[in-house]
Amino acid sequence: MGEKEINVFFLSVILTVLLLVMAVYFVIISIRRRNILYKREREANAILHKQELLETRQEVQQKLMQNIGSELHDTVGQKLTLTYLQMENTRQLNDIEEIKSRIGAQNDLIQESLNELRSISKMLTTQDFSSFSFVNYVDKELTRINESGLCKTIFTYPANASFDFLDERINLSLVRICQEFIQNSLKHSGGSQLTIDVVLSDKDLKIVCADNGQGINWEKAREYRIGSGSGLQSIERRINNIGAGYRWENNNGTQLHIDLPLNKIGEHEA
């Protein structure tokens, strides 16, 4: 092999090495860019997750305040007003026995008002979202509606089951989904009964919200879905956000079937 051939050979080797180095360099740059984009995407998702969590938490807190205001006005306020009126009437009496009887009834009303105030105070001071459970909240909400006489409510769930595996975001989202269904039913269905059933298995969490009203007019519902404020759209968006499936049924009322696979819970965490 002559000197010229040797030079060509070494030049070829050098060019090959340079091309390999450049290829490796571009691969490394590409990987770094992908890692940076992935990191930015993760950070953006984390920010979005926090924003959604904050918005949902604020919505639940707002609903809680509305409930407390309603409780104060409809129960405590009315009982204290009734007590005041009875006391005014009692002042006009001369019969000692009748006065004692009236005072006893007034004491009972005052005691009931104090108990309800303690219950409301407990709701305010123990609202810790880190240990928040949608089951407990929905139970209180349906009990309140049932006691108000607006509608008969039924809530069934596995009493001995633990829902600790649900994080704060899913708990709050489930609360808002149930609240939206309840409000839509009370406003539009004309039904006399609301039912929410919760079933927990090894594979999934199933929730069925139902009423015995007139059902959904899907032709009108399609028009309302265009607007971001649509109750149906809000329900479906929240269900999708937690990785659950759903279906609507019209059968002697409206039924919303929600299916949350347990193996997908981690996939939708930030």
C-alpha atoms as a PDB file:
ATOM      1  CA  MET A   1       0.000   0.000   0.000  1.00  0.00           C
ATOM      2  CA  GLY A   2       1.460   3.325  -1.076  1.00  0.00           C
ATOM      3  CA  GLU A   3       1.716   6.520   0.908  1.00  0.00           C
ATOM      4  CA  LYS A   4      -1.193   8.000  -0.993  1.00  0.00           C
ATOM      5  CA  GLU A   5      -3.439   5.065  -0.181  1.00  0.00           C
ATOM      6  CA  ILE A   6      -2.395   5.226   3.484  1.00  0.00           C
ATOM      7  CA  ASN A   7      -3.281   8.923   3.636  1.00  0.00           C
ATOM      8  CA  VAL A   8      -6.663   8.263   2.027  1.00  0.00           C
ATOM      9  CA  PHE A   9      -7.286   5.434   4.470  1.00  0.00           C
ATOM     10  CA  PHE A  10      -6.459   7.579   7.521  1.00  0.00           C
ATOM     11  CA  LEU A  11      -8.505  10.442   6.116  1.00  0.00           C
ATOM     12  CA  SER A  12     -11.463   8.084   5.699  1.00  0.00           C
ATOM     13  CA  VAL A  13     -11.058   6.842   9.271  1.00  0.00           C
ATOM     14  CA  ILE A  14     -10.892  10.400  10.579  1.00  0.00           C
ATOM     15  CA  LEU A  15     -13.982  11.429   8.612  1.00  0.00           C
ATOM     16  CA  THR A  16     -15.830   8.349   9.827  1.00  0.00           C
ATOM     17  CA  VAL A  17     -14.900   9.095  13.429  1.00  0.00           C
ATOM     18  CA  LEU A  18     -15.942  12.737  13.012  1.00  0.00           C
ATOM     19  CA  LEU A  19     -19.264  11.680  11.537  1.00  0.00           C
ATOM     20  CA  LEU A  20     -19.827   9.259  14.417  1.00  0.00           C
ATOM     21  CA  VAL A  21     -18.905  11.950  16.956  1.00  0.00           C
ATOM     22  CA  MET A  22     -21.259  14.408  15.267  1.00  0.00           C
ATOM     23  CA  ALA A  23     -24.006  11.799  15.168  1.00  0.00           C
ATOM     24  CA  VAL A  24     -23.536  11.041  18.863  1.00  0.00           C
ATOM     25  CA  TYR A  25     -23.461  14.778  19.600  1.00  0.00           C
ATOM     26  CA  PHE A  26     -26.729  15.373  17.762  1.00  0.00           C
ATOM     27  CA  VAL A  27     -28.313  12.386  19.487  1.00  0.00           C
ATOM     28  CA  ILE A  28     -27.255  13.748  22.881  1.00  0.00           C
ATOM     29  CA  ILE A  29     -28.567  17.215  21.990  1.00  0.00           C
ATOM     30  CA  SER A  30     -31.852  15.679  20.837  1.00  0.00           C
ATOM     31  CA  ILE A  31     -32.187  13.670  24.047  1.00  0.00           C
ATOM     32  CA  ARG A  32     -31.426  16.741  26.137  1.00  0.00           C
ATOM     33  CA  ARG A  33     -34.032  18.765  24.261  1.00  0.00           C
ATOM     34  CA  ARG A  34     -36.596  16.039  24.758  1.00  0.00           C
ATOM     35  CA  ASN A  35     -35.747  15.887  28.463  1.00  0.00           C
ATOM     36  CA  ILE A  36     -36.108  19.661  28.743  1.00  0.00           C
ATOM     37  CA  LEU A  37     -39.453  19.579  26.915  1.00  0.00           C
ATOM     38  CA  TYR A  38     -40.611  16.676  29.062  1.00  0.00           C
ATOM     39  CA  LYS A  39     -39.560  18.516  32.218  1.00  0.00           C
ATOM     40  CA  ARG A  40     -41.372  21.658  31.103  1.00  0.00           C
ATOM     41  CA  GLU A  41     -44.453  19.619  30.256  1.00  0.00           C
ATOM     42  CA  ARG A  42     -44.346  17.972  33.681  1.00  0.00           C
ATOM     43  CA  GLU A  43     -44.007  21.383  35.341  1.00  0.00           C
ATOM     44  CA  ALA A  44     -46.899  22.753  33.275  1.00  0.00           C
ATOM     45  CA  ASN A  45     -49.050  19.748  34.205  1.00  0.00           C
ATOM     46  CA  ALA A  46     -48.140  20.200  37.866  1.00  0.00           C
ATOM     47  CA  ILE A  47     -49.144  23.870  37.718  1.00  0.00           C
ATOM     48  CA  LEU A  48     -52.394  22.966  35.947  1.00  0.00           C
ATOM     49  CA  HIS A  49     -53.048  20.253  38.534  1.00  0.00           C
ATOM     50  CA  LYS A  50     -52.557  22.734  41.381  1.00  0.00           C
ATOM     51  CA  GLN A  51     -54.844  25.262  39.703  1.00  0.00           C
ATOM     52  CA  GLU A  52     -57.589  22.676  39.190  1.00  0.00           C
ATOM     53  CA  LEU A  53     -57.194  21.487  42.768  1.00  0.00           C
ATOM     54  CA  LEU A  54     -57.409  25.046  44.096  1.00  0.00           C
ATOM     55  CA  GLU A  55     -60.460  25.837  41.951  1.00  0.00           C
ATOM     56  CA  THR A  56     -62.240  22.655  43.029  1.00  0.00           C
ATOM     57  CA  ARG A  57     -61.370  23.271  46.671  1.00  0.00           C
ATOM     58  CA  GLN A  58     -62.721  26.824  46.437  1.00  0.00           C
ATOM     59  CA  GLU A  59     -65.916  25.551  44.826  1.00  0.00           C
ATOM     60  CA  VAL A  60     -66.451  23.024  47.608  1.00  0.00           C
ATOM     61  CA  GLN A  61     -65.714  25.661  50.255  1.00  0.00           C
ATOM     62  CA  GLN A  62     -68.147  28.048  48.599  1.00  0.00           C
ATOM     63  CA  LYS A  63     -70.827  25.366  48.544  1.00  0.00           C
ATOM     64  CA  LEU A  64     -70.072  24.604  52.185  1.00  0.00           C
ATOM     65  CA  MET A  65     -70.530  28.277  53.095  1.00  0.00           C
ATOM     66  CA  GLN A  66     -73.831  28.348  51.216  1.00  0.00           C
ATOM     67  CA  ASN A  67     -75.005  25.281  53.108  1.00  0.00           C
ATOM     68  CA  ILE A  68     -73.987  26.797  56.428  1.00  0.00           C
ATOM     69  CA  GLY A  69     -75.773  30.043  55.565  1.00  0.00           C
ATOM     70  CA  SER A  70     -78.870  28.045  54.662  1.00  0.00           C
ATOM     71  CA  GLU A  71     -78.637  26.058  57.905  1.00  0.00           C
ATOM     72  CA  LEU A  72     -78.283  29.235  59.984  1.00  0.00           C
ATOM     73  CA  HIS A  73     -81.238  30.867  58.266  1.00  0.00           C
ATOM     74  CA  ASP A  74     -83.591  27.912  57.913  1.00  0.00           C
ATOM     75  CA  THR A  75     -82.985  26.137  61.213  1.00  0.00           C
ATOM     76  CA  VAL A  76     -81.198  28.145  63.877  1.00  0.00           C
ATOM     77  CA  GLY A  77     -82.616  31.488  62.776  1.00  0.00           C
ATOM     78  CA  GLN A  78     -86.187  30.236  62.595  1.00  0.00           C
ATOM     79  CA  LYS A  79     -85.986  28.451  65.939  1.00  0.00           C
ATOM     80  CA  LEU A  80     -84.543  31.486  67.696  1.00  0.00           C
ATOM     81  CA  THR A  81     -87.206  33.694  66.097  1.00  0.00           C
ATOM     82  CA  LEU A  82     -89.892  31.283  67.272  1.00  0.00           C
ATOM     83  CA  THR A  83     -88.354  31.288  70.762  1.00  0.00           C
ATOM     84  CA  TYR A  84     -88.402  35.080  70.839  1.00  0.00           C
ATOM     85  CA  LEU A  85     -92.060  35.209  69.817  1.00  0.00           C
ATOM     86  CA  GLN A  86     -92.984  32.611  72.420  1.00  0.00           C
ATOM     87  CA  MET A  87     -91.130  34.568  75.095  1.00  0.00           C
ATOM     88  CA  GLU A  88     -93.027  37.702  74.147  1.00  0.00           C
ATOM     89  CA  ASN A  89     -96.317  35.822  74.489  1.00  0.00           C
ATOM     90  CA  THR A  90     -95.209  34.284  77.773  1.00  0.00           C
ATOM     91  CA  ARG A  91     -94.659  37.751  79.237  1.00  0.00           C
ATOM     92  CA  GLN A  92     -98.390  38.388  78.883  1.00  0.00           C
ATOM     93  CA  LEU A  93     -99.392  35.323  80.904  1.00  0.00           C
ATOM     94  CA  ASN A  94    -100.358  35.268  84.581  1.00  0.00           C
ATOM     95  CA  ASP A  95    -100.733  31.527  85.067  1.00  0.00           C
ATOM     96  CA  ILE A  96     -97.517  30.265  86.678  1.00  0.00           C
ATOM     97  CA  GLU A  97     -97.980  26.708  85.474  1.00  0.00           C
ATOM     98  CA  GLU A  98     -98.571  27.844  81.923  1.00  0.00           C
ATOM     99  CA  ILE A  99     -95.504  30.094  82.139  1.00  0.00           C
ATOM    100  CA  LYS A 100     -93.391  27.157  83.336  1.00  0.00           C
ATOM    101  CA  SER A 101     -94.681  25.000  80.490  1.00  0.00           C
ATOM    102  CA  ARG A 102     -93.904  27.702  77.925  1.00  0.00           C
ATOM    103  CA  ILE A 103     -90.420  28.246  79.374  1.00  0.00           C
ATOM    104  CA  GLY A 104     -89.748  24.516  79.149  1.00  0.00           C
ATOM    105  CA  ALA A 105     -90.672  24.505  75.449  1.00  0.00           C
ATOM    106  CA  GLN A 106     -88.507  27.567  74.870  1.00  0.00           C
ATOM    107  CA  ASN A 107     -85.565  25.913  76.612  1.00  0.00           C
ATOM    108  CA  ASP A 108     -85.932  22.934  74.300  1.00  0.00           C
ATOM    109  CA  LEU A 109     -85.833  25.204  71.249  1.00  0.00           C
ATOM    110  CA  ILE A 110     -82.760  27.012  72.578  1.00  0.00           C
ATOM    111  CA  GLN A 111     -81.031  23.694  73.278  1.00  0.00           C
ATOM    112  CA  GLU A 112     -81.792  22.481  69.762  1.00  0.00           C
ATOM    113  CA  SER A 113     -80.399  25.728  68.354  1.00  0.00           C
ATOM    114  CA  LEU A 114     -77.215  25.350  70.412  1.00  0.00           C
ATOM    115  CA  ASN A 115     -76.758  21.770  69.204  1.00  0.00           C
ATOM    116  CA  GLU A 116     -77.148  22.852  65.598  1.00  0.00           C
ATOM    117  CA  LEU A 117     -74.699  25.718  66.114  1.00  0.00           C
ATOM    118  CA  ARG A 118     -72.171  23.240  67.541  1.00  0.00           C
ATOM    119  CA  SER A 119     -72.676  21.007  64.520  1.00  0.00           C
ATOM    120  CA  ILE A 120     -72.147  23.932  62.130  1.00  0.00           C
ATOM    121  CA  SER A 121     -69.093  25.055  64.102  1.00  0.00           C
ATOM    122  CA  LYS A 122     -67.670  21.546  63.824  1.00  0.00           C
ATOM    123  CA  MET A 123     -68.153  21.645  60.061  1.00  0.00           C
ATOM    124  CA  LEU A 124     -66.103  24.848  59.929  1.00  0.00           C
ATOM    125  CA  THR A 125     -63.300  23.833  62.269  1.00  0.00           C
ATOM    126  CA  THR A 126     -62.802  20.287  60.970  1.00  0.00           C
ATOM    127  CA  GLN A 127     -62.842  21.036  57.234  1.00  0.00           C
ATOM    128  CA  ASP A 128     -59.396  19.517  56.627  1.00  0.00           C
ATOM    129  CA  PHE A 129     -59.069  18.659  52.945  1.00  0.00           C
ATOM    130  CA  SER A 130     -56.030  16.449  53.524  1.00  0.00           C
ATOM    131  CA  SER A 131     -58.314  13.891  55.180  1.00  0.00           C
ATOM    132  CA  PHE A 132     -61.401  14.845  53.167  1.00  0.00           C
ATOM    133  CA  SER A 133     -63.763  12.062  52.124  1.00  0.00           C
ATOM    134  CA  PHE A 134     -66.389  12.547  49.435  1.00  0.00           C
ATOM    135  CA  VAL A 135     -68.555   9.863  51.086  1.00  0.00           C
ATOM    136  CA  ASN A 136     -68.886  11.813  54.342  1.00  0.00           C
ATOM    137  CA  TYR A 137     -69.569  15.066  52.521  1.00  0.00           C
ATOM    138  CA  VAL A 138     -72.230  13.619  50.203  1.00  0.00           C
ATOM    139  CA  ASP A 139     -73.847  11.891  53.191  1.00  0.00           C
ATOM    140  CA  LYS A 140     -74.182  15.240  55.010  1.00  0.00           C
ATOM    141  CA  GLU A 141     -75.389  16.988  51.857  1.00  0.00           C
ATOM    142  CA  LEU A 142     -78.154  14.463  51.153  1.00  0.00           C
ATOM    143  CA  THR A 143     -79.159  14.392  54.823  1.00  0.00           C
ATOM    144  CA  ARG A 144     -79.494  18.183  54.776  1.00  0.00           C
ATOM    145  CA  ILE A 145     -81.642  18.077  51.631  1.00  0.00           C
ATOM    146  CA  ASN A 146     -83.814  15.310  53.078  1.00  0.00           C
ATOM    147  CA  GLU A 147     -84.362  17.222  56.330  1.00  0.00           C
ATOM    148  CA  SER A 148     -85.179  20.411  54.436  1.00  0.00           C
ATOM    149  CA  GLY A 149     -88.115  18.674  52.737  1.00  0.00           C
ATOM    150  CA  LEU A 150     -86.920  19.606  49.244  1.00  0.00           C
ATOM    151  CA  CYS A 151     -86.628  15.997  48.201  1.00  0.00           C
ATOM    152  CA  LYS A 152     -86.358  12.506  49.623  1.00  0.00           C
ATOM    153  CA  THR A 153     -82.773  11.293  49.461  1.00  0.00           C
ATOM    154  CA  ILE A 154     -81.160   7.859  49.720  1.00  0.00           C
ATOM    155  CA  PHE A 155     -77.415   7.295  50.047  1.00  0.00           C
ATOM    156  CA  THR A 156     -75.874   3.828  50.089  1.00  0.00           C
ATOM    157  CA  TYR A 157     -72.174   3.029  50.382  1.00  0.00           C
ATOM    158  CA  PRO A 158     -69.978   0.324  51.932  1.00  0.00           C
ATOM    159  CA  ALA A 159     -69.882   1.433  55.562  1.00  0.00           C
ATOM    160  CA  ASN A 160     -66.790  -0.572  56.468  1.00  0.00           C
ATOM    161  CA  ALA A 161     -64.792   0.362  53.374  1.00  0.00           C
ATOM    162  CA  SER A 162     -61.874   2.772  53.472  1.00  0.00           C
ATOM    163  CA  PHE A 163     -61.532   5.428  50.788  1.00  0.00           C
ATOM    164  CA  ASP A 164     -58.072   6.575  51.893  1.00  0.00           C
ATOM    165  CA  PHE A 165     -56.617   5.564  48.516  1.00  0.00           C
ATOM    166  CA  LEU A 166     -58.405   8.522  46.891  1.00  0.00           C
ATOM    167  CA  ASP A 167     -56.318  11.674  46.882  1.00  0.00           C
ATOM    168  CA  GLU A 168     -57.640  15.149  47.619  1.00  0.00           C
ATOM    169  CA  ARG A 169     -58.193  16.016  43.957  1.00  0.00           C
ATOM    170  CA  ILE A 170     -60.335  12.947  43.250  1.00  0.00           C
ATOM    171  CA  ASN A 171     -62.310  13.371  46.482  1.00  0.00           C
ATOM    172  CA  LEU A 172     -63.096  17.005  45.685  1.00  0.00           C
ATOM    173  CA  SER A 173     -63.917  16.211  42.056  1.00  0.00           C
ATOM    174  CA  LEU A 174     -66.357  13.466  43.085  1.00  0.00           C
ATOM    175  CA  VAL A 175     -68.015  15.896  45.499  1.00  0.00           C
ATOM    176  CA  ARG A 176     -68.465  18.476  42.745  1.00  0.00           C
ATOM    177  CA  ILE A 177     -69.795  15.849  40.308  1.00  0.00           C
ATOM    178  CA  CYS A 178     -72.403  14.716  42.843  1.00  0.00           C
ATOM    179  CA  GLN A 179     -73.249  18.312  43.728  1.00  0.00           C
ATOM    180  CA  GLU A 180     -73.770  19.211  40.066  1.00  0.00           C
ATOM    181  CA  PHE A 181     -76.066  16.226  39.578  1.00  0.00           C
ATOM    182  CA  ILE A 182     -78.027  17.073  42.745  1.00  0.00           C
ATOM    183  CA  GLN A 183     -78.442  20.728  41.775  1.00  0.00           C
ATOM    184  CA  ASN A 184     -79.507  19.867  38.232  1.00  0.00           C
ATOM    185  CA  SER A 185     -82.052  17.375  39.577  1.00  0.00           C
ATOM    186  CA  LEU A 186     -83.487  19.802  42.124  1.00  0.00           C
ATOM    187  CA  LYS A 187     -83.767  22.596  39.542  1.00  0.00           C
ATOM    188  CA  HIS A 188     -84.889  20.761  36.421  1.00  0.00           C
ATOM    189  CA  SER A 189     -86.051  17.181  36.977  1.00  0.00           C
ATOM    190  CA  GLY A 190     -89.230  17.787  38.971  1.00  0.00           C
ATOM    191  CA  GLY A 191     -88.558  14.517  40.795  1.00  0.00           C
ATOM    192  CA  SER A 192     -89.331  13.651  44.393  1.00  0.00           C
ATOM    193  CA  GLN A 193     -86.375  11.361  45.134  1.00  0.00           C
ATOM    194  CA  LEU A 194     -82.602  11.476  44.758  1.00  0.00           C
ATOM    195  CA  THR A 195     -80.430   8.376  45.112  1.00  0.00           C
ATOM    196  CA  ILE A 196     -76.643   8.015  45.151  1.00  0.00           C
ATOM    197  CA  ASP A 197     -75.114   4.533  45.340  1.00  0.00           C
ATOM    198  CA  VAL A 198     -71.400   3.907  45.888  1.00  0.00           C
ATOM    199  CA  VAL A 199     -69.943   0.455  45.233  1.00  0.00           C
ATOM    200  CA  LEU A 200     -66.273  -0.359  45.811  1.00  0.00           C
ATOM    201  CA  SER A 201     -64.588  -3.490  44.458  1.00  0.00           C
ATOM    202  CA  ASP A 202     -61.006  -4.645  43.985  1.00  0.00           C
ATOM    203  CA  LYS A 203     -61.027  -3.290  40.441  1.00  0.00           C
ATOM    204  CA  ASP A 204     -63.069  -0.115  40.455  1.00  0.00           C
ATOM    205  CA  LEU A 205     -65.185   2.444  42.243  1.00  0.00           C
ATOM    206  CA  LYS A 206     -68.697   2.753  40.860  1.00  0.00           C
ATOM    207  CA  ILE A 207     -71.073   5.621  41.632  1.00  0.00           C
ATOM    208  CA  VAL A 208     -74.658   5.844  40.406  1.00  0.00           C
ATOM    209  CA  CYS A 209     -76.516   9.146  40.785  1.00  0.00           C
ATOM    210  CA  ALA A 210     -80.226   8.904  39.991  1.00  0.00           C
ATOM    211  CA  ASP A 211     -83.514  10.762  40.320  1.00  0.00           C
ATOM    212  CA  ASN A 212     -87.102   9.885  39.487  1.00  0.00           C
ATOM    213  CA  GLY A 213     -87.792  13.046  37.525  1.00  0.00           C
ATOM    214  CA  GLN A 214     -88.653  13.718  33.900  1.00  0.00           C
ATOM    215  CA  GLY A 215     -85.250  12.795  32.520  1.00  0.00           C
ATOM    216  CA  ILE A 216     -82.902  14.762  30.287  1.00  0.00           C
ATOM    217  CA  ASN A 217     -84.098  16.267  27.026  1.00  0.00           C
ATOM    218  CA  TRP A 218     -81.036  15.415  24.951  1.00  0.00           C
ATOM    219  CA  GLU A 219     -81.997  17.710  22.072  1.00  0.00           C
ATOM    220  CA  LYS A 220     -81.873  20.731  24.381  1.00  0.00           C
ATOM    221  CA  ALA A 221     -78.881  19.318  26.213  1.00  0.00           C
ATOM    222  CA  ARG A 222     -76.860  19.291  22.962  1.00  0.00           C
ATOM    223  CA  GLU A 223     -77.476  23.027  22.607  1.00  0.00           C
ATOM    224  CA  TYR A 224     -76.392  23.718  26.193  1.00  0.00           C
ATOM    225  CA  ARG A 225     -73.236  21.591  25.861  1.00  0.00           C
ATOM    226  CA  ILE A 226     -71.728  24.286  23.640  1.00  0.00           C
ATOM    227  CA  GLY A 227     -71.525  26.677  26.582  1.00  0.00           C
ATOM    228  CA  SER A 228     -68.780  26.201  29.130  1.00  0.00           C
ATOM    229  CA  GLY A 229     -71.246  26.779  31.950  1.00  0.00           C
ATOM    230  CA  SER A 230     -73.356  23.766  31.096  1.00  0.00           C
ATOM    231  CA  GLY A 231     -73.967  21.546  34.122  1.00  0.00           C
ATOM    232  CA  LEU A 232     -73.749  18.399  31.996  1.00  0.00           C
ATOM    233  CA  GLN A 233     -70.512  19.565  30.419  1.00  0.00           C
ATOM    234  CA  SER A 234     -69.042  20.362  33.819  1.00  0.00           C
ATOM    235  CA  ILE A 235     -69.938  16.907  35.126  1.00  0.00           C
ATOM    236  CA  GLU A 236     -68.446  15.142  32.107  1.00  0.00           C
ATOM    237  CA  ARG A 237     -65.282  17.263  32.173  1.00  0.00           C
ATOM    238  CA  ARG A 238     -64.659  16.475  35.834  1.00  0.00           C
ATOM    239  CA  ILE A 239     -65.250  12.765  35.240  1.00  0.00           C
ATOM    240  CA  ASN A 240     -62.757  12.744  32.372  1.00  0.00           C
ATOM    241  CA  ASN A 241     -60.211  14.669  34.437  1.00  0.00           C
ATOM    242  CA  ILE A 242     -60.017  11.916  37.052  1.00  0.00           C
ATOM    243  CA  GLY A 243     -59.725   9.139  34.474  1.00  0.00           C
ATOM    244  CA  ALA A 244     -63.196   7.680  34.983  1.00  0.00           C
ATOM    245  CA  GLY A 245     -65.767   6.482  32.484  1.00  0.00           C
ATOM    246  CA  TYR A 246     -69.443   7.393  32.478  1.00  0.00           C
ATOM    247  CA  ARG A 247     -72.772   6.892  30.779  1.00  0.00           C
ATOM    248  CA  TRP A 248     -76.165   8.589  31.040  1.00  0.00           C
ATOM    249  CA  GLU A 249     -79.478   6.758  31.098  1.00  0.00           C
ATOM    250  CA  ASN A 250     -83.079   7.946  30.950  1.00  0.00           C
ATOM    251  CA  ASN A 251     -85.179   5.326  32.679  1.00  0.00           C
ATOM    252  CA  ASN A 252     -87.961   6.660  34.923  1.00  0.00           C
ATOM    253  CA  GLY A 253     -85.714   9.632  35.555  1.00  0.00           C
ATOM    254  CA  THR A 254     -82.040  10.328  34.968  1.00  0.00           C
ATOM    255  CA  GLN A 255     -79.164   8.068  35.945  1.00  0.00           C
ATOM    256  CA  LEU A 256     -75.470   8.878  35.794  1.00  0.00           C
ATOM    257  CA  HIS A 257     -73.177   5.836  35.991  1.00  0.00           C
ATOM    258  CA  ILE A 258     -69.542   6.580  36.896  1.00  0.00           C
ATOM    259  CA  ASP A 259     -66.807   3.948  36.756  1.00  0.00           C
ATOM    260  CA  LEU A 260     -63.357   4.807  38.159  1.00  0.00           C
ATOM    261  CA  PRO A 261     -60.823   1.981  37.564  1.00  0.00           C
ATOM    262  CA  LEU A 262     -58.511   1.803  40.570  1.00  0.00           C
ATOM    263  CA  ASN A 263     -55.461   1.052  38.408  1.00  0.00           C
ATOM    264  CA  LYS A 264     -55.880   4.406  36.611  1.00  0.00           C
ATOM    265  CA  ILE A 265     -55.859   6.584  39.707  1.00  0.00           C
ATOM    266  CA  GLY A 266     -52.067   6.956  39.763  1.00  0.00           C
ATOM    267  CA  GLU A 267     -51.947   7.730  36.051  1.00  0.00           C
ATOM    268  CA  HIS A 268     -53.927  10.926  36.553  1.00  0.00           C
ATOM    269  CA  GLU A 269     -51.880  12.250  39.429  1.00  0.00           C
ATOM    270  CA  ALA A 270     -49.600  15.190  38.714  1.00  0.00           C
END
